Amino acid sequence: QVELVESGGGLVQPGGSLTLSCAASGSISSTNVMGWYRQAPGKERELVASITGIGMTKYEDSVKGRFTVSRDNAKNTVSLQMNSLQPEDTAVYYCSIRPLGTTRISAWGQGTQVTVSS
């Protein structure tokens, strides 16, 4: 049983920055892939960024160069540094974890709201 708890969401002006954090507890393997998804109102949940246990990363095209995902295997945490935020980044952001080599998400966080508005 894995539990994920996010923190760090909030309201930010366009062009601003936020850092999201996710703490994982339970049966965690350093080979798991940890990631961040987001879901805007009326839209499907989409993958924003993911990172493997050895630091290989993947980003959704619209966030490349603006967002950076990182993880600390010793602390079982994953973070998402978001810069140059735009209104279209407004969404609920979810932390996730899945076994390497599968697409099945093992656990989701509860979600944290990010609102980009002036």
Protein backbone atom coordinates (compact mmCIF):
# COMPACT_ATOMS: atom_id res chain seq x y z
CA GLN A 1 0.00 0.00 0.00
CA VAL A 2 1.44 3.33 -1.13
CA GLU A 3 0.24 6.73 0.00
CA LEU A 4 1.12 9.96 -1.81
CA VAL A 5 0.63 13.40 -0.29
CA GLU A 6 1.11 16.56 -2.35
CA SER A 7 1.78 20.09 -1.18
CA GLY A 8 2.71 23.44 -2.66
CA GLY A 9 -0.19 24.45 -4.85
CA GLY A 10 -1.74 27.90 -4.83
CA LEU A 11 -2.47 31.08 -6.73
CA VAL A 12 0.27 32.71 -8.79
CA GLN A 13 0.38 35.47 -11.37
CA PRO A 14 1.31 34.74 -14.99
CA GLY A 15 5.06 34.46 -15.33
CA GLY A 16 5.43 33.36 -11.73
CA SER A 17 6.79 30.17 -10.21
CA LEU A 18 5.60 27.42 -7.88
CA THR A 19 7.13 24.23 -6.57
CA LEU A 20 4.98 21.18 -5.91
CA SER A 21 6.17 18.42 -3.60
CA CYS A 22 4.97 14.88 -3.10
CA ALA A 23 5.89 12.59 -0.23
CA ALA A 24 5.43 8.86 -0.67
CA SER A 25 5.02 6.36 2.13
CA GLY A 26 4.55 2.60 2.18
CA SER A 27 6.14 0.00 -0.07
CA ILE A 28 8.29 2.17 -2.35
CA SER A 29 10.89 0.86 -4.75
CA SER A 30 13.56 3.11 -6.22
CA THR A 31 12.74 1.53 -9.59
CA ASN A 32 9.22 2.96 -9.53
CA VAL A 33 8.44 5.79 -11.92
CA MET A 34 7.07 8.85 -10.17
CA GLY A 35 5.19 11.51 -12.03
CA TRP A 36 2.92 14.50 -12.10
CA TYR A 37 -0.39 14.68 -13.94
CA ARG A 38 -2.81 17.55 -14.19
CA GLN A 39 -6.48 17.91 -14.94
CA ALA A 40 -8.10 21.17 -15.96
CA PRO A 41 -11.88 21.67 -15.81
CA GLY A 42 -13.59 19.86 -18.66
CA LYS A 43 -10.39 18.19 -19.81
CA GLU A 44 -8.87 14.76 -19.41
CA ARG A 45 -6.05 14.11 -16.98
CA GLU A 46 -2.69 14.43 -18.75
CA LEU A 47 0.88 13.53 -17.91
CA VAL A 48 3.00 16.59 -17.18
CA ALA A 49 6.31 15.04 -16.21
CA SER A 50 7.76 11.77 -14.97
CA ILE A 51 11.07 10.58 -13.58
CA THR A 52 12.56 7.11 -13.15
CA GLY A 53 14.62 5.93 -10.22
CA ILE A 54 17.84 6.74 -12.06
CA GLY A 55 16.69 10.21 -13.03
CA MET A 56 15.46 9.76 -16.59
CA THR A 57 12.79 12.37 -17.23
CA LYS A 58 9.92 12.90 -19.64
CA TYR A 59 7.88 16.06 -20.16
CA GLU A 60 4.69 17.04 -21.91
CA ASP A 61 5.58 19.32 -24.82
CA SER A 62 3.93 22.48 -23.49
CA VAL A 63 5.97 22.43 -20.26
CA LYS A 64 9.41 21.61 -21.70
CA GLY A 65 11.91 24.26 -20.68
CA ARG A 66 9.59 25.64 -17.98
CA PHE A 67 9.02 22.72 -15.60
CA THR A 68 11.61 20.52 -13.92
CA VAL A 69 10.86 17.25 -12.16
CA SER A 70 13.22 15.82 -9.57
CA ARG A 71 13.18 13.10 -6.94
CA ASP A 72 15.00 12.08 -3.78
CA ASN A 73 15.01 8.28 -3.51
CA ALA A 74 16.32 8.36 0.05
CA LYS A 75 13.39 10.50 1.19
CA ASN A 76 10.80 9.04 -1.22
CA THR A 77 9.87 12.46 -2.51
CA VAL A 78 9.28 13.94 -5.94
CA SER A 79 9.07 17.64 -6.79
CA LEU A 80 7.92 19.72 -9.71
CA GLN A 81 9.49 23.14 -10.16
CA MET A 82 7.22 25.22 -12.37
CA ASN A 83 8.49 28.47 -13.90
CA SER A 84 6.98 30.95 -16.35
CA LEU A 85 3.51 29.78 -15.41
CA GLN A 86 0.67 30.65 -17.75
CA PRO A 87 -3.12 30.65 -17.29
CA GLU A 88 -3.33 27.45 -19.32
CA ASP A 89 -1.29 25.70 -16.60
CA THR A 90 -4.24 26.13 -14.24
CA ALA A 91 -5.35 22.69 -13.11
CA VAL A 92 -5.41 20.22 -10.26
CA TYR A 93 -2.01 18.55 -10.15
CA TYR A 94 -1.69 14.94 -9.05
CA CYS A 95 1.35 12.98 -7.95
CA SER A 96 1.55 9.39 -9.20
CA ILE A 97 3.66 6.26 -8.93
CA ARG A 98 3.85 3.16 -11.12
CA PRO A 99 6.17 0.20 -11.60
CA LEU A 100 8.84 0.65 -14.26
CA GLY A 101 7.79 -0.99 -17.51
CA THR A 102 4.06 -0.67 -16.94
CA THR A 103 1.46 2.00 -17.60
CA ARG A 104 -0.71 1.09 -14.64
CA ILE A 105 -0.66 3.76 -11.94
CA SER A 106 -0.25 2.14 -8.53
CA ALA A 107 -1.31 5.14 -6.49
CA TRP A 108 -2.47 8.74 -6.85
CA GLY A 109 -2.14 11.68 -4.54
CA GLN A 110 -5.18 13.67 -3.49
CA GLY A 111 -4.36 16.52 -5.85
CA THR A 112 -3.34 20.13 -5.31
CA GLN A 113 -4.84 23.13 -7.06
CA VAL A 114 -2.62 25.42 -9.13
CA THR A 115 -4.27 28.62 -10.36
CA VAL A 116 -2.45 31.05 -12.64
CA SER A 117 -4.28 34.34 -12.83
CA SER A 118 -3.72 38.06 -12.59
